[in-house]
């Protein structure tokens, strides 16, 4: 079964994790966080990500879906670096949201690429606009 690693500007990763564990309290062993501090170096972030990946230990040879908050920012850039190093079953999505995370946890038993696709779909499906001209 797959696991999820949240990598985001502090305290977003921990906040998303707490919200997800409110919905899925049994998912704690499949979920880890790296909160990136404002002045933290990319090298320190890299060390924290690798330590979190080492600690996750997905069951049955599963992989890890990494979710980052903002494309082009340190959490995403360093996660891309980890992804490019290879050697682990990893997938990276950016623009993390609670709906995306909940979908990922709901489908963590599927193959990693399928789980990632469902998580991404969950993020898209919950984007709505409400306003005087939105028809909502």
C-alpha atoms as a PDB file:
ATOM      1  CA  UNK A   1       0.000   0.000   0.000  1.00  0.00           C
ATOM      2  CA  UNK A   2       1.210   3.493  -0.833  1.00  0.00           C
ATOM      3  CA  UNK A   3       1.975   6.356   1.520  1.00  0.00           C
ATOM      4  CA  UNK A   4       1.764  10.152   1.281  1.00  0.00           C
ATOM      5  CA  UNK A   5       4.425  12.708   2.129  1.00  0.00           C
ATOM      6  CA  UNK A   6       3.217  16.302   2.497  1.00  0.00           C
ATOM      7  CA  UNK A   7       5.931  18.903   1.842  1.00  0.00           C
ATOM      8  CA  UNK A   8       4.821  22.508   2.277  1.00  0.00           C
ATOM      9  CA  UNK A   9       5.611  25.880   3.768  1.00  0.00           C
ATOM     10  CA  UNK A  10       5.198  25.692   7.556  1.00  0.00           C
ATOM     11  CA  UNK A  11       2.701  24.988   9.050  1.00  0.00           C
ATOM     12  CA  UNK A  12       0.628  23.882   6.031  1.00  0.00           C
ATOM     13  CA  UNK A  13       1.915  20.304   5.804  1.00  0.00           C
ATOM     14  CA  UNK A  14       1.132  19.618   9.471  1.00  0.00           C
ATOM     15  CA  UNK A  15      -2.251  21.338   9.234  1.00  0.00           C
ATOM     16  CA  UNK A  16      -3.283  19.264   6.205  1.00  0.00           C
ATOM     17  CA  UNK A  17      -2.089  16.132   7.980  1.00  0.00           C
ATOM     18  CA  UNK A  18      -4.138  16.906  11.093  1.00  0.00           C
ATOM     19  CA  UNK A  19      -7.247  17.557   9.000  1.00  0.00           C
ATOM     20  CA  UNK A  20      -6.766  14.315   7.062  1.00  0.00           C
ATOM     21  CA  UNK A  21      -6.299  12.313  10.261  1.00  0.00           C
ATOM     22  CA  UNK A  22      -9.577  13.766  11.517  1.00  0.00           C
ATOM     23  CA  UNK A  23     -11.281  12.068   8.550  1.00  0.00           C
ATOM     24  CA  UNK A  24      -9.031   8.981   8.358  1.00  0.00           C
ATOM     25  CA  UNK A  25      -7.657   8.402  11.881  1.00  0.00           C
ATOM     26  CA  UNK A  26      -6.202   5.030  10.861  1.00  0.00           C
ATOM     27  CA  UNK A  27      -4.011   6.561   8.124  1.00  0.00           C
ATOM     28  CA  UNK A  28      -1.287   7.842  10.451  1.00  0.00           C
ATOM     29  CA  UNK A  29       1.228   5.180   9.436  1.00  0.00           C
ATOM     30  CA  UNK A  30       0.773   6.090   5.748  1.00  0.00           C
ATOM     31  CA  UNK A  31       1.224   9.833   6.158  1.00  0.00           C
ATOM     32  CA  UNK A  32       4.232  12.013   6.948  1.00  0.00           C
ATOM     33  CA  UNK A  33       5.000  15.727   6.779  1.00  0.00           C
ATOM     34  CA  UNK A  34       7.862  18.088   6.112  1.00  0.00           C
ATOM     35  CA  UNK A  35       7.088  21.662   7.120  1.00  0.00           C
ATOM     36  CA  UNK A  36       9.559  23.946   5.370  1.00  0.00           C
ATOM     37  CA  UNK A  37      10.590  26.928   7.487  1.00  0.00           C
ATOM     38  CA  UNK A  38      11.054  30.376   5.949  1.00  0.00           C
ATOM     39  CA  UNK A  39      14.856  30.558   6.219  1.00  0.00           C
ATOM     40  CA  UNK A  40      15.568  26.836   5.796  1.00  0.00           C
ATOM     41  CA  UNK A  41      18.195  25.934   3.202  1.00  0.00           C
ATOM     42  CA  UNK A  42      17.320  23.613   0.314  1.00  0.00           C
ATOM     43  CA  UNK A  43      19.940  21.178   1.629  1.00  0.00           C
ATOM     44  CA  UNK A  44      18.205  21.021   5.022  1.00  0.00           C
ATOM     45  CA  UNK A  45      14.849  20.490   3.287  1.00  0.00           C
ATOM     46  CA  UNK A  46      16.406  17.703   1.218  1.00  0.00           C
ATOM     47  CA  UNK A  47      17.681  16.009   4.378  1.00  0.00           C
ATOM     48  CA  UNK A  48      14.239  16.303   5.994  1.00  0.00           C
ATOM     49  CA  UNK A  49      12.485  14.856   2.948  1.00  0.00           C
ATOM     50  CA  UNK A  50      14.878  11.908   2.748  1.00  0.00           C
ATOM     51  CA  UNK A  51      14.460  11.237   6.479  1.00  0.00           C
ATOM     52  CA  UNK A  52      10.664  11.320   6.137  1.00  0.00           C
ATOM     53  CA  UNK A  53      10.800   8.974   3.135  1.00  0.00           C
ATOM     54  CA  UNK A  54      13.047   6.577   5.051  1.00  0.00           C
ATOM     55  CA  UNK A  55      10.622   6.579   7.988  1.00  0.00           C
ATOM     56  CA  UNK A  56       7.478   6.007   5.922  1.00  0.00           C
ATOM     57  CA  UNK A  57       8.203   2.444   4.821  1.00  0.00           C
ATOM     58  CA  UNK A  58       5.170   1.832   2.555  1.00  0.00           C
ATOM     59  CA  UNK A  59       3.680  -1.627   3.037  1.00  0.00           C
ATOM     60  CA  UNK A  60       3.867  -4.374   0.408  1.00  0.00           C
ATOM     61  CA  UNK A  61       6.405  -2.571  -1.741  1.00  0.00           C
ATOM     62  CA  UNK A  62       4.173   0.458  -2.303  1.00  0.00           C
ATOM     63  CA  UNK A  63       5.387   3.874  -3.275  1.00  0.00           C
ATOM     64  CA  UNK A  64       5.109   7.390  -1.909  1.00  0.00           C
ATOM     65  CA  UNK A  65       3.004  10.187  -3.335  1.00  0.00           C
ATOM     66  CA  UNK A  66       4.667  13.496  -2.514  1.00  0.00           C
ATOM     67  CA  UNK A  67       2.299  16.474  -2.337  1.00  0.00           C
ATOM     68  CA  UNK A  68       3.720  19.989  -2.336  1.00  0.00           C
ATOM     69  CA  UNK A  69       1.935  23.287  -1.947  1.00  0.00           C
ATOM     70  CA  UNK A  70       3.311  25.634  -4.588  1.00  0.00           C
ATOM     71  CA  UNK A  71       5.010  24.947  -7.916  1.00  0.00           C
ATOM     72  CA  UNK A  72       8.330  26.725  -8.276  1.00  0.00           C
ATOM     73  CA  UNK A  73       8.882  27.174  -4.547  1.00  0.00           C
ATOM     74  CA  UNK A  74      11.429  25.391  -2.356  1.00  0.00           C
ATOM     75  CA  UNK A  75       9.191  22.476  -1.241  1.00  0.00           C
ATOM     76  CA  UNK A  76       8.370  21.571  -4.839  1.00  0.00           C
ATOM     77  CA  UNK A  77      11.852  22.250  -6.208  1.00  0.00           C
ATOM     78  CA  UNK A  78      13.518  20.029  -3.628  1.00  0.00           C
ATOM     79  CA  UNK A  79      10.880  17.301  -4.076  1.00  0.00           C
ATOM     80  CA  UNK A  80      11.617  17.372  -7.826  1.00  0.00           C
ATOM     81  CA  UNK A  81      15.272  16.881  -6.986  1.00  0.00           C
ATOM     82  CA  UNK A  82      14.424  13.827  -4.868  1.00  0.00           C
ATOM     83  CA  UNK A  83      12.252  12.483  -7.679  1.00  0.00           C
ATOM     84  CA  UNK A  84      15.039  12.886 -10.237  1.00  0.00           C
ATOM     85  CA  UNK A  85      17.524  10.989  -8.060  1.00  0.00           C
ATOM     86  CA  UNK A  86      15.539   7.804  -8.634  1.00  0.00           C
ATOM     87  CA  UNK A  87      15.869   4.644  -6.597  1.00  0.00           C
ATOM     88  CA  UNK A  88      12.470   4.978  -4.945  1.00  0.00           C
ATOM     89  CA  UNK A  89       8.888   4.543  -6.130  1.00  0.00           C
ATOM     90  CA  UNK A  90       7.813   8.193  -6.000  1.00  0.00           C
ATOM     91  CA  UNK A  91       5.241  10.419  -7.664  1.00  0.00           C
ATOM     92  CA  UNK A  92       4.954  14.185  -7.188  1.00  0.00           C
ATOM     93  CA  UNK A  93       1.891  16.426  -7.350  1.00  0.00           C
ATOM     94  CA  UNK A  94       1.909  20.132  -6.568  1.00  0.00           C
ATOM     95  CA  UNK A  95      -0.925  22.454  -5.584  1.00  0.00           C
ATOM     96  CA  UNK A  96      -1.832  20.262  -2.607  1.00  0.00           C
ATOM     97  CA  UNK A  97      -5.237  20.707  -1.036  1.00  0.00           C
ATOM     98  CA  UNK A  98      -7.250  18.832   1.540  1.00  0.00           C
ATOM     99  CA  UNK A  99      -9.545  17.260  -1.100  1.00  0.00           C
ATOM    100  CA  UNK A 100      -6.467  16.087  -3.026  1.00  0.00           C
ATOM    101  CA  UNK A 101      -4.987  14.570   0.128  1.00  0.00           C
ATOM    102  CA  UNK A 102      -8.219  12.837   1.132  1.00  0.00           C
ATOM    103  CA  UNK A 103      -8.545  11.290  -2.328  1.00  0.00           C
ATOM    104  CA  UNK A 104      -4.947  10.106  -2.174  1.00  0.00           C
ATOM    105  CA  UNK A 105      -5.548   8.420   1.168  1.00  0.00           C
ATOM    106  CA  UNK A 106      -8.793   6.893  -0.078  1.00  0.00           C
ATOM    107  CA  UNK A 107      -7.021   5.221  -3.000  1.00  0.00           C
ATOM    108  CA  UNK A 108      -3.648   4.392  -1.484  1.00  0.00           C
ATOM    109  CA  UNK A 109      -4.255   0.697  -2.192  1.00  0.00           C
ATOM    110  CA  UNK A 110      -4.161   1.333  -5.981  1.00  0.00           C
ATOM    111  CA  UNK A 111      -0.958   1.483  -8.057  1.00  0.00           C
ATOM    112  CA  UNK A 112       0.977   4.685  -7.365  1.00  0.00           C
ATOM    113  CA  UNK A 113       0.241   6.335 -10.724  1.00  0.00           C
ATOM    114  CA  UNK A 114      -3.473   5.561 -10.392  1.00  0.00           C
ATOM    115  CA  UNK A 115      -3.522   6.901  -6.840  1.00  0.00           C
ATOM    116  CA  UNK A 116      -1.836  10.092  -8.050  1.00  0.00           C
ATOM    117  CA  UNK A 117      -4.371  10.466 -10.855  1.00  0.00           C
ATOM    118  CA  UNK A 118      -7.273  10.102  -8.445  1.00  0.00           C
ATOM    119  CA  UNK A 119      -5.714  12.639  -6.074  1.00  0.00           C
ATOM    120  CA  UNK A 120      -5.252  15.131  -8.895  1.00  0.00           C
ATOM    121  CA  UNK A 121      -8.822  14.549 -10.034  1.00  0.00           C
ATOM    122  CA  UNK A 122     -10.032  15.180  -6.472  1.00  0.00           C
ATOM    123  CA  UNK A 123      -8.265  18.529  -6.481  1.00  0.00           C
ATOM    124  CA  UNK A 124      -9.846  19.539  -9.794  1.00  0.00           C
ATOM    125  CA  UNK A 125     -13.336  18.335  -8.915  1.00  0.00           C
ATOM    126  CA  UNK A 126     -13.539  20.473  -5.788  1.00  0.00           C
ATOM    127  CA  UNK A 127     -12.552  23.779  -7.397  1.00  0.00           C
ATOM    128  CA  UNK A 128     -15.736  25.840  -7.627  1.00  0.00           C
ATOM    129  CA  UNK A 129     -16.544  29.500  -8.035  1.00  0.00           C
ATOM    130  CA  UNK A 130     -19.356  31.165  -6.129  1.00  0.00           C
ATOM    131  CA  UNK A 131     -20.436  34.676  -6.910  1.00  0.00           C
ATOM    132  CA  UNK A 132     -23.252  36.751  -8.340  1.00  0.00           C
ATOM    133  CA  UNK A 133     -22.584  35.601 -11.913  1.00  0.00           C
ATOM    134  CA  UNK A 134     -21.385  32.069 -11.233  1.00  0.00           C
ATOM    135  CA  UNK A 135     -24.780  30.373 -11.383  1.00  0.00           C
ATOM    136  CA  UNK A 136     -23.988  28.607  -8.113  1.00  0.00           C
END
